[in-house]
Amino acid sequence: MREGLLQGKKGVIFGALNEKSIAWQVALKAWKEGAELVLTNSPVALRLGNIHDLAKITGSQVIPADATKMDEIENLLSESIKIFGGKFDFILHSIGMSPNVRKDIPYEQTSYENMLKTFDISALSFHRVLQTSYKLDALKEWGSVVALSYVAAQRTLSGYNDMGDAKALLESIARSFGYIYGRDKKVRVNTVSQSPTATTAGSGIHGFESLIDFSERMSPLGNASAEECAEYCVALFSDLTRKVTMQNLFHDGGFSSMGMSLKAIEQYQKSFEECDCDDK
């Protein structure tokens, strides 16, 4: 029998697409630490990704669910309760997509129809999951809900577009619903602000490779990997963090507290030295 930090715990993982996905790594780590899982993603993502391979590895069931549709979320959580034989312990929300980013539409020329879709998929889906879980009383006392965020909720990062607004909304929902869920059910709700990570979704952001390089140079500990983020999420699912709630927790190697690092200064200076322009 596997023994670990999550031995005996059960949870639902939203958003595992392929091996690059943070949700995939969270599922693997949670399983290795003893958890039983239900995996879910949208029907389109299930067709495009490899989630059934992950299900075979972890011995998990896969339930399709579009997180923008209340009836599908309710079916997912109701079926998960049946599979687990009662209430379960944790949920990971790892869902995000911006049509404006995908279509390379600049923020100052945004399509509001697309922006509303961004909010619906990337943030309001989190409220739907929380509201449905609360209504069904799906989570055990001292359960844990974690959503993945990014520092663009607080800082402006060129190219991140309306996803920054969506992440700010996501974090606000965690605080607002975290109060209610904690007060009434003793359930924790937190967001993890992760380093830029080379996932399938992240790679679609304009200039993403440069963003990863910049973040790596700025962070005293370097960027946190998907695997390291998974370990952090597992800690938040565990009983070791029972009194942590309504927090946005930075998991970014120190990036969020930096102004300018020596590595960044050296690279910036190098660009001037190599510049063939008059305005240095």
C-alpha atoms as a PDB file:
ATOM      1  CA  MET A   1       0.000   0.000   0.000  1.00  0.00           C
ATOM      2  CA  ARG A   2       1.249   3.484  -0.895  1.00  0.00           C
ATOM      3  CA  GLU A   3       1.849   5.723   2.108  1.00  0.00           C
ATOM      4  CA  GLY A   4       2.100   9.460   1.714  1.00  0.00           C
ATOM      5  CA  LEU A   5       0.970  12.925   2.629  1.00  0.00           C
ATOM      6  CA  LEU A   6      -2.440  12.420   1.009  1.00  0.00           C
ATOM      7  CA  GLN A   7      -3.005   8.814   2.040  1.00  0.00           C
ATOM      8  CA  GLY A   8      -6.756   8.190   2.268  1.00  0.00           C
ATOM      9  CA  LYS A   9      -7.661  11.503   0.612  1.00  0.00           C
ATOM     10  CA  LYS A  10      -9.703  11.882  -2.565  1.00  0.00           C
ATOM     11  CA  GLY A  11      -9.929  14.743  -5.009  1.00  0.00           C
ATOM     12  CA  VAL A  12     -10.981  16.120  -8.375  1.00  0.00           C
ATOM     13  CA  ILE A  13      -8.397  17.555 -10.772  1.00  0.00           C
ATOM     14  CA  PHE A  14      -9.552  20.025 -13.439  1.00  0.00           C
ATOM     15  CA  GLY A  15      -7.403  20.835 -16.455  1.00  0.00           C
ATOM     16  CA  ALA A  16      -4.885  18.048 -17.137  1.00  0.00           C
ATOM     17  CA  LEU A  17      -4.261  18.093 -20.893  1.00  0.00           C
ATOM     18  CA  ASN A  18      -0.842  16.492 -21.399  1.00  0.00           C
ATOM     19  CA  GLU A  19       2.471  15.936 -19.640  1.00  0.00           C
ATOM     20  CA  LYS A  20       3.271  19.662 -19.836  1.00  0.00           C
ATOM     21  CA  SER A  21       0.173  20.592 -17.819  1.00  0.00           C
ATOM     22  CA  ILE A  22       0.621  21.646 -14.215  1.00  0.00           C
ATOM     23  CA  ALA A  23      -2.635  19.801 -13.465  1.00  0.00           C
ATOM     24  CA  TRP A  24      -1.100  16.626 -14.899  1.00  0.00           C
ATOM     25  CA  GLN A  25       1.881  16.966 -12.573  1.00  0.00           C
ATOM     26  CA  VAL A  26      -0.398  17.723  -9.605  1.00  0.00           C
ATOM     27  CA  ALA A  27      -2.414  14.595 -10.336  1.00  0.00           C
ATOM     28  CA  LEU A  28       0.739  12.463 -10.543  1.00  0.00           C
ATOM     29  CA  LYS A  29       2.166  13.866  -7.313  1.00  0.00           C
ATOM     30  CA  ALA A  30      -1.142  13.589  -5.444  1.00  0.00           C
ATOM     31  CA  TRP A  31      -1.481   9.965  -6.567  1.00  0.00           C
ATOM     32  CA  LYS A  32       2.096   9.178  -5.526  1.00  0.00           C
ATOM     33  CA  GLU A  33       1.275  10.670  -2.114  1.00  0.00           C
ATOM     34  CA  GLY A  34      -1.662   8.290  -1.730  1.00  0.00           C
ATOM     35  CA  ALA A  35      -4.676  10.155  -3.134  1.00  0.00           C
ATOM     36  CA  GLU A  36      -7.521   8.734  -5.196  1.00  0.00           C
ATOM     37  CA  LEU A  37      -8.548  10.950  -8.094  1.00  0.00           C
ATOM     38  CA  VAL A  38     -11.220  11.854 -10.588  1.00  0.00           C
ATOM     39  CA  LEU A  39      -9.829  13.661 -13.643  1.00  0.00           C
ATOM     40  CA  THR A  40     -11.818  16.105 -15.733  1.00  0.00           C
ATOM     41  CA  ASN A  41     -11.504  18.471 -18.649  1.00  0.00           C
ATOM     42  CA  SER A  42     -13.732  19.819 -21.392  1.00  0.00           C
ATOM     43  CA  PRO A  43     -14.833  17.368 -24.111  1.00  0.00           C
ATOM     44  CA  VAL A  44     -12.669  19.216 -26.660  1.00  0.00           C
ATOM     45  CA  ALA A  45      -9.605  19.026 -24.403  1.00  0.00           C
ATOM     46  CA  LEU A  46     -10.216  15.319 -23.825  1.00  0.00           C
ATOM     47  CA  ARG A  47     -10.044  14.748 -27.574  1.00  0.00           C
ATOM     48  CA  LEU A  48      -6.917  16.873 -28.043  1.00  0.00           C
ATOM     49  CA  GLY A  49      -4.979  15.741 -24.971  1.00  0.00           C
ATOM     50  CA  ASN A  50      -3.716  12.535 -23.370  1.00  0.00           C
ATOM     51  CA  ILE A  51      -5.703  12.537 -20.130  1.00  0.00           C
ATOM     52  CA  HIS A  52      -6.667   8.872 -20.535  1.00  0.00           C
ATOM     53  CA  ASP A  53      -2.975   7.958 -20.329  1.00  0.00           C
ATOM     54  CA  LEU A  54      -2.819   9.783 -16.995  1.00  0.00           C
ATOM     55  CA  ALA A  55      -5.961   7.975 -15.869  1.00  0.00           C
ATOM     56  CA  LYS A  56      -4.316   4.601 -16.584  1.00  0.00           C
ATOM     57  CA  ILE A  57      -1.221   5.554 -14.598  1.00  0.00           C
ATOM     58  CA  THR A  58      -3.189   6.772 -11.589  1.00  0.00           C
ATOM     59  CA  GLY A  59      -6.107   4.350 -11.780  1.00  0.00           C
ATOM     60  CA  SER A  60      -8.522   7.270 -12.045  1.00  0.00           C
ATOM     61  CA  GLN A  61     -11.860   7.755 -13.732  1.00  0.00           C
ATOM     62  CA  VAL A  62     -12.285  10.529 -16.310  1.00  0.00           C
ATOM     63  CA  ILE A  63     -15.495  12.556 -16.420  1.00  0.00           C
ATOM     64  CA  PRO A  64     -15.910  15.145 -19.196  1.00  0.00           C
ATOM     65  CA  ALA A  65     -17.170  18.534 -18.031  1.00  0.00           C
ATOM     66  CA  ASP A  66     -17.315  21.963 -19.616  1.00  0.00           C
ATOM     67  CA  ALA A  67     -16.572  24.261 -16.683  1.00  0.00           C
ATOM     68  CA  THR A  68     -18.675  27.044 -18.221  1.00  0.00           C
ATOM     69  CA  LYS A  69     -21.827  24.909 -17.869  1.00  0.00           C
ATOM     70  CA  MET A  70     -23.431  24.501 -14.470  1.00  0.00           C
ATOM     71  CA  ASP A  71     -25.231  21.255 -15.295  1.00  0.00           C
ATOM     72  CA  GLU A  72     -21.985  19.587 -16.367  1.00  0.00           C
ATOM     73  CA  ILE A  73     -20.173  20.711 -13.216  1.00  0.00           C
ATOM     74  CA  GLU A  74     -23.029  19.455 -11.070  1.00  0.00           C
ATOM     75  CA  ASN A  75     -22.959  16.106 -12.870  1.00  0.00           C
ATOM     76  CA  LEU A  76     -19.172  15.897 -12.443  1.00  0.00           C
ATOM     77  CA  LEU A  77     -19.233  16.556  -8.709  1.00  0.00           C
ATOM     78  CA  SER A  78     -22.277  14.363  -8.106  1.00  0.00           C
ATOM     79  CA  GLU A  79     -20.638  11.466  -9.974  1.00  0.00           C
ATOM     80  CA  SER A  80     -17.397  12.052  -8.083  1.00  0.00           C
ATOM     81  CA  ILE A  81     -19.253  11.711  -4.779  1.00  0.00           C
ATOM     82  CA  LYS A  82     -20.639   8.376  -6.006  1.00  0.00           C
ATOM     83  CA  ILE A  83     -17.229   7.164  -7.193  1.00  0.00           C
ATOM     84  CA  PHE A  84     -15.565   8.115  -3.911  1.00  0.00           C
ATOM     85  CA  GLY A  85     -18.400   6.748  -1.807  1.00  0.00           C
ATOM     86  CA  GLY A  86     -19.137  10.098  -0.185  1.00  0.00           C
ATOM     87  CA  LYS A  87     -17.596  13.513   0.305  1.00  0.00           C
ATOM     88  CA  PHE A  88     -14.043  14.077  -0.889  1.00  0.00           C
ATOM     89  CA  ASP A  89     -11.072  16.188   0.210  1.00  0.00           C
ATOM     90  CA  PHE A  90      -9.741  18.517  -2.461  1.00  0.00           C
ATOM     91  CA  ILE A  91     -10.225  20.192  -5.843  1.00  0.00           C
ATOM     92  CA  LEU A  92      -7.664  21.669  -8.233  1.00  0.00           C
ATOM     93  CA  HIS A  93      -8.847  24.336 -10.683  1.00  0.00           C
ATOM     94  CA  SER A  94      -6.340  24.655 -13.524  1.00  0.00           C
ATOM     95  CA  ILE A  95      -8.415  26.229 -16.281  1.00  0.00           C
ATOM     96  CA  GLY A  96      -7.544  29.238 -18.400  1.00  0.00           C
ATOM     97  CA  MET A  97      -7.999  30.403 -21.977  1.00  0.00           C
ATOM     98  CA  SER A  98      -8.247  33.751 -23.751  1.00  0.00           C
ATOM     99  CA  PRO A  99      -9.618  34.026 -27.294  1.00  0.00           C
ATOM    100  CA  ASN A 100      -7.987  37.467 -27.498  1.00  0.00           C
ATOM    101  CA  VAL A 101      -4.582  35.946 -26.729  1.00  0.00           C
ATOM    102  CA  ARG A 102      -5.130  33.082 -29.150  1.00  0.00           C
ATOM    103  CA  LYS A 103      -6.124  35.467 -31.942  1.00  0.00           C
ATOM    104  CA  ASP A 104      -3.292  37.883 -31.056  1.00  0.00           C
ATOM    105  CA  ILE A 105      -5.732  40.774 -30.518  1.00  0.00           C
ATOM    106  CA  PRO A 106      -3.969  43.565 -28.559  1.00  0.00           C
ATOM    107  CA  TYR A 107      -5.434  44.601 -25.224  1.00  0.00           C
ATOM    108  CA  GLU A 108      -6.128  48.147 -26.476  1.00  0.00           C
ATOM    109  CA  GLN A 109      -8.142  46.701 -29.362  1.00  0.00           C
ATOM    110  CA  THR A 110      -9.846  43.977 -27.356  1.00  0.00           C
ATOM    111  CA  SER A 111     -12.936  42.154 -28.493  1.00  0.00           C
ATOM    112  CA  TYR A 112     -15.336  42.441 -25.575  1.00  0.00           C
ATOM    113  CA  GLU A 113     -17.119  39.303 -26.683  1.00  0.00           C
ATOM    114  CA  ASN A 114     -13.799  37.487 -26.432  1.00  0.00           C
ATOM    115  CA  MET A 115     -12.990  39.143 -23.115  1.00  0.00           C
ATOM    116  CA  LEU A 116     -16.232  37.901 -21.595  1.00  0.00           C
ATOM    117  CA  LYS A 117     -15.338  34.395 -22.794  1.00  0.00           C
ATOM    118  CA  THR A 118     -11.925  34.776 -21.145  1.00  0.00           C
ATOM    119  CA  PHE A 119     -13.560  35.688 -17.829  1.00  0.00           C
ATOM    120  CA  ASP A 120     -16.154  32.934 -18.191  1.00  0.00           C
ATOM    121  CA  ILE A 121     -13.610  30.191 -18.844  1.00  0.00           C
ATOM    122  CA  SER A 122     -10.710  31.384 -16.688  1.00  0.00           C
ATOM    123  CA  ALA A 123     -12.404  32.859 -13.611  1.00  0.00           C
ATOM    124  CA  LEU A 124     -16.174  32.422 -13.446  1.00  0.00           C
ATOM    125  CA  SER A 125     -15.649  28.688 -13.914  1.00  0.00           C
ATOM    126  CA  PHE A 126     -13.939  28.763 -10.516  1.00  0.00           C
ATOM    127  CA  HIS A 127     -17.000  30.381  -8.941  1.00  0.00           C
ATOM    128  CA  ARG A 128     -19.201  27.737 -10.570  1.00  0.00           C
ATOM    129  CA  VAL A 129     -17.077  24.936  -9.156  1.00  0.00           C
ATOM    130  CA  LEU A 130     -17.099  26.470  -5.675  1.00  0.00           C
ATOM    131  CA  GLN A 131     -20.816  27.253  -5.751  1.00  0.00           C
ATOM    132  CA  THR A 132     -21.731  23.757  -6.927  1.00  0.00           C
ATOM    133  CA  SER A 133     -19.414  22.052  -4.448  1.00  0.00           C
ATOM    134  CA  TYR A 134     -20.859  24.204  -1.655  1.00  0.00           C
ATOM    135  CA  LYS A 135     -24.444  23.435  -2.701  1.00  0.00           C
ATOM    136  CA  LEU A 136     -23.811  19.676  -2.932  1.00  0.00           C
ATOM    137  CA  ASP A 137     -21.755  19.704   0.281  1.00  0.00           C
ATOM    138  CA  ALA A 138     -19.205  17.754  -1.740  1.00  0.00           C
ATOM    139  CA  LEU A 139     -16.095  18.474   0.326  1.00  0.00           C
ATOM    140  CA  LYS A 140     -15.259  17.176   3.765  1.00  0.00           C
ATOM    141  CA  GLU A 141     -14.583  19.504   6.672  1.00  0.00           C
ATOM    142  CA  TRP A 142     -11.018  20.870   6.323  1.00  0.00           C
ATOM    143  CA  GLY A 143     -11.148  20.182   2.613  1.00  0.00           C
ATOM    144  CA  SER A 144      -9.022  22.266   0.263  1.00  0.00           C
ATOM    145  CA  VAL A 145      -9.664  24.021  -3.047  1.00  0.00           C
ATOM    146  CA  VAL A 146      -6.710  25.398  -5.016  1.00  0.00           C
ATOM    147  CA  ALA A 147      -6.761  27.433  -8.232  1.00  0.00           C
ATOM    148  CA  LEU A 148      -3.702  28.300 -10.298  1.00  0.00           C
ATOM    149  CA  SER A 149      -2.996  31.983 -10.872  1.00  0.00           C
ATOM    150  CA  TYR A 150      -0.187  34.249 -12.081  1.00  0.00           C
ATOM    151  CA  VAL A 151       1.492  37.491 -10.996  1.00  0.00           C
ATOM    152  CA  ALA A 152      -0.145  39.319 -13.920  1.00  0.00           C
ATOM    153  CA  ALA A 153      -3.114  39.687 -11.556  1.00  0.00           C
ATOM    154  CA  GLN A 154      -1.030  42.330  -9.727  1.00  0.00           C
ATOM    155  CA  ARG A 155       1.568  43.386 -12.316  1.00  0.00           C
ATOM    156  CA  THR A 156       1.214  44.412 -15.937  1.00  0.00           C
ATOM    157  CA  LEU A 157       3.067  42.009 -18.222  1.00  0.00           C
ATOM    158  CA  SER A 158       3.103  42.805 -21.915  1.00  0.00           C
ATOM    159  CA  GLY A 159       1.304  40.213 -23.999  1.00  0.00           C
ATOM    160  CA  TYR A 160      -0.610  38.610 -21.147  1.00  0.00           C
ATOM    161  CA  ASN A 161      -3.614  40.636 -22.245  1.00  0.00           C
ATOM    162  CA  ASP A 162      -7.018  40.067 -20.609  1.00  0.00           C
ATOM    163  CA  MET A 163      -5.735  36.967 -18.841  1.00  0.00           C
ATOM    164  CA  GLY A 164      -4.290  39.358 -16.247  1.00  0.00           C
ATOM    165  CA  ASP A 165      -7.784  40.681 -15.589  1.00  0.00           C
ATOM    166  CA  ALA A 166      -9.110  37.118 -15.424  1.00  0.00           C
ATOM    167  CA  LYS A 167      -6.487  36.101 -12.866  1.00  0.00           C
ATOM    168  CA  ALA A 168      -7.310  39.156 -10.726  1.00  0.00           C
ATOM    169  CA  LEU A 169     -10.962  38.088 -10.768  1.00  0.00           C
ATOM    170  CA  LEU A 170      -9.984  34.501  -9.965  1.00  0.00           C
ATOM    171  CA  GLU A 171      -8.057  35.622  -6.877  1.00  0.00           C
ATOM    172  CA  SER A 172     -10.918  37.843  -5.746  1.00  0.00           C
ATOM    173  CA  ILE A 173     -13.339  34.925  -6.021  1.00  0.00           C
ATOM    174  CA  ALA A 174     -11.014  32.819  -3.855  1.00  0.00           C
ATOM    175  CA  ARG A 175     -11.147  35.452  -1.116  1.00  0.00           C
ATOM    176  CA  SER A 176     -14.889  36.076  -1.329  1.00  0.00           C
ATOM    177  CA  PHE A 177     -15.946  32.443  -1.506  1.00  0.00           C
ATOM    178  CA  GLY A 178     -13.137  31.410   0.815  1.00  0.00           C
ATOM    179  CA  TYR A 179     -14.758  33.392   3.605  1.00  0.00           C
ATOM    180  CA  ILE A 180     -18.143  31.761   3.074  1.00  0.00           C
ATOM    181  CA  TYR A 181     -16.802  28.228   2.590  1.00  0.00           C
ATOM    182  CA  GLY A 182     -14.551  28.510   5.618  1.00  0.00           C
ATOM    183  CA  ARG A 183     -17.237  30.007   7.820  1.00  0.00           C
ATOM    184  CA  ASP A 184     -19.916  27.475   6.916  1.00  0.00           C
ATOM    185  CA  LYS A 185     -18.061  24.276   6.020  1.00  0.00           C
ATOM    186  CA  LYS A 186     -14.467  24.660   7.288  1.00  0.00           C
ATOM    187  CA  VAL A 187     -13.165  24.363   3.706  1.00  0.00           C
ATOM    188  CA  ARG A 188     -10.018  26.191   2.581  1.00  0.00           C
ATOM    189  CA  VAL A 189      -9.826  28.153  -0.689  1.00  0.00           C
ATOM    190  CA  ASN A 190      -6.511  29.470  -2.015  1.00  0.00           C
ATOM    191  CA  THR A 191      -4.808  30.474  -5.248  1.00  0.00           C
ATOM    192  CA  VAL A 192      -1.221  29.642  -6.185  1.00  0.00           C
ATOM    193  CA  SER A 193       0.564  32.290  -8.250  1.00  0.00           C
ATOM    194  CA  GLN A 194       2.981  30.132 -10.211  1.00  0.00           C
ATOM    195  CA  SER A 195       6.089  31.076 -12.198  1.00  0.00           C
ATOM    196  CA  PRO A 196       5.561  31.248 -15.975  1.00  0.00           C
ATOM    197  CA  THR A 197       5.528  27.605 -17.010  1.00  0.00           C
ATOM    198  CA  ALA A 198       5.921  26.127 -20.481  1.00  0.00           C
ATOM    199  CA  THR A 199       2.481  24.537 -20.712  1.00  0.00           C
ATOM    200  CA  THR A 200       0.487  24.191 -23.927  1.00  0.00           C
ATOM    201  CA  ALA A 201      -1.726  27.134 -22.898  1.00  0.00           C
ATOM    202  CA  GLY A 202       1.140  29.347 -21.711  1.00  0.00           C
ATOM    203  CA  SER A 203       3.127  28.853 -24.893  1.00  0.00           C
ATOM    204  CA  GLY A 204       0.410  30.641 -26.857  1.00  0.00           C
ATOM    205  CA  ILE A 205       1.208  33.973 -25.206  1.00  0.00           C
ATOM    206  CA  HIS A 206       3.175  36.388 -27.399  1.00  0.00           C
ATOM    207  CA  GLY A 207       6.787  36.628 -26.246  1.00  0.00           C
ATOM    208  CA  PHE A 208       6.360  33.808 -23.724  1.00  0.00           C
ATOM    209  CA  GLU A 209       9.913  32.466 -24.067  1.00  0.00           C
ATOM    210  CA  SER A 210      11.308  35.929 -23.295  1.00  0.00           C
ATOM    211  CA  LEU A 211       8.965  36.174 -20.319  1.00  0.00           C
ATOM    212  CA  ILE A 212      10.290  32.879 -18.942  1.00  0.00           C
ATOM    213  CA  ASP A 213      13.871  34.055 -19.424  1.00  0.00           C
ATOM    214  CA  PHE A 214      13.191  37.400 -17.743  1.00  0.00           C
ATOM    215  CA  SER A 215      11.474  35.729 -14.808  1.00  0.00           C
ATOM    216  CA  GLU A 216      14.335  33.261 -14.431  1.00  0.00           C
ATOM    217  CA  ARG A 217      16.884  36.108 -14.290  1.00  0.00           C
ATOM    218  CA  MET A 218      14.772  38.106 -11.847  1.00  0.00           C
ATOM    219  CA  SER A 219      13.978  35.298  -9.412  1.00  0.00           C
ATOM    220  CA  PRO A 220      16.663  34.618  -6.785  1.00  0.00           C
ATOM    221  CA  LEU A 221      15.661  30.946  -6.683  1.00  0.00           C
ATOM    222  CA  GLY A 222      14.823  30.715 -10.373  1.00  0.00           C
ATOM    223  CA  ASN A 223      11.481  29.792 -11.892  1.00  0.00           C
ATOM    224  CA  ALA A 224       9.424  27.099 -10.193  1.00  0.00           C
ATOM    225  CA  SER A 225       8.760  24.101 -12.416  1.00  0.00           C
ATOM    226  CA  ALA A 226       5.433  22.360 -12.944  1.00  0.00           C
ATOM    227  CA  GLU A 227       6.660  19.489 -10.795  1.00  0.00           C
ATOM    228  CA  GLU A 228       7.603  21.857  -7.968  1.00  0.00           C
ATOM    229  CA  CYS A 229       4.217  23.557  -8.239  1.00  0.00           C
ATOM    230  CA  ALA A 230       2.620  20.123  -7.901  1.00  0.00           C
ATOM    231  CA  GLU A 231       4.486  19.541  -4.646  1.00  0.00           C
ATOM    232  CA  TYR A 232       3.253  22.886  -3.323  1.00  0.00           C
ATOM    233  CA  CYS A 233      -0.341  22.086  -4.272  1.00  0.00           C
ATOM    234  CA  VAL A 234      -0.102  18.712  -2.538  1.00  0.00           C
ATOM    235  CA  ALA A 235       1.012  20.504   0.629  1.00  0.00           C
ATOM    236  CA  LEU A 236      -2.070  22.729   0.346  1.00  0.00           C
ATOM    237  CA  PHE A 237      -4.301  19.670  -0.050  1.00  0.00           C
ATOM    238  CA  SER A 238      -2.756  18.080   3.029  1.00  0.00           C
ATOM    239  CA  ASP A 239      -3.572  18.456   6.716  1.00  0.00           C
ATOM    240  CA  LEU A 240      -0.351  20.440   7.206  1.00  0.00           C
ATOM    241  CA  THR A 241      -2.064  23.623   5.927  1.00  0.00           C
ATOM    242  CA  ARG A 242      -5.449  23.389   7.635  1.00  0.00           C
ATOM    243  CA  LYS A 243      -5.521  27.048   8.677  1.00  0.00           C
ATOM    244  CA  VAL A 244      -4.339  28.535   5.370  1.00  0.00           C
ATOM    245  CA  THR A 245      -7.224  30.054   3.422  1.00  0.00           C
ATOM    246  CA  MET A 246      -8.267  33.067   1.310  1.00  0.00           C
ATOM    247  CA  GLN A 247      -4.620  33.550   0.314  1.00  0.00           C
ATOM    248  CA  ASN A 248      -2.872  34.166  -2.984  1.00  0.00           C
ATOM    249  CA  LEU A 249       0.342  32.230  -2.433  1.00  0.00           C
ATOM    250  CA  PHE A 250       3.301  33.132  -4.637  1.00  0.00           C
ATOM    251  CA  HIS A 251       5.248  30.125  -5.863  1.00  0.00           C
ATOM    252  CA  ASP A 252       7.673  31.908  -8.144  1.00  0.00           C
ATOM    253  CA  GLY A 253      11.190  31.708  -6.767  1.00  0.00           C
ATOM    254  CA  GLY A 254      10.888  35.192  -5.274  1.00  0.00           C
ATOM    255  CA  PHE A 255       9.990  36.992  -8.522  1.00  0.00           C
ATOM    256  CA  SER A 256       6.968  38.751  -7.025  1.00  0.00           C
ATOM    257  CA  SER A 257       9.123  40.549  -4.435  1.00  0.00           C
ATOM    258  CA  MET A 258      11.871  41.656  -6.815  1.00  0.00           C
ATOM    259  CA  GLY A 259      12.499  45.014  -8.452  1.00  0.00           C
ATOM    260  CA  MET A 260      15.689  44.348 -10.433  1.00  0.00           C
ATOM    261  CA  SER A 261      18.174  41.509 -10.021  1.00  0.00           C
ATOM    262  CA  LEU A 262      21.886  41.520 -10.807  1.00  0.00           C
ATOM    263  CA  LYS A 263      21.358  39.006 -13.625  1.00  0.00           C
ATOM    264  CA  ALA A 264      18.679  41.212 -15.172  1.00  0.00           C
ATOM    265  CA  ILE A 265      20.887  44.317 -14.859  1.00  0.00           C
ATOM    266  CA  GLU A 266      23.799  42.517 -16.530  1.00  0.00           C
ATOM    267  CA  GLN A 267      21.608  41.343 -19.408  1.00  0.00           C
ATOM    268  CA  TYR A 268      20.095  44.810 -19.776  1.00  0.00           C
ATOM    269  CA  GLN A 269      23.563  46.391 -19.861  1.00  0.00           C
ATOM    270  CA  LYS A 270      24.742  43.801 -22.378  1.00  0.00           C
ATOM    271  CA  SER A 271      21.902  44.721 -24.723  1.00  0.00           C
ATOM    272  CA  PHE A 272      23.078  48.345 -24.658  1.00  0.00           C
ATOM    273  CA  GLU A 273      26.687  47.367 -25.305  1.00  0.00           C
ATOM    274  CA  GLU A 274      25.671  45.274 -28.304  1.00  0.00           C
ATOM    275  CA  CYS A 275      23.281  47.918 -29.591  1.00  0.00           C
ATOM    276  CA  ASP A 276      24.425  49.646 -32.796  1.00  0.00           C
ATOM    277  CA  CYS A 277      22.045  52.540 -32.267  1.00  0.00           C
ATOM    278  CA  ASP A 278      22.759  56.155 -31.305  1.00  0.00           C
ATOM    279  CA  ASP A 279      20.336  56.287 -28.392  1.00  0.00           C
ATOM    280  CA  LYS A 280      22.097  54.114 -25.847  1.00  0.00           C
END
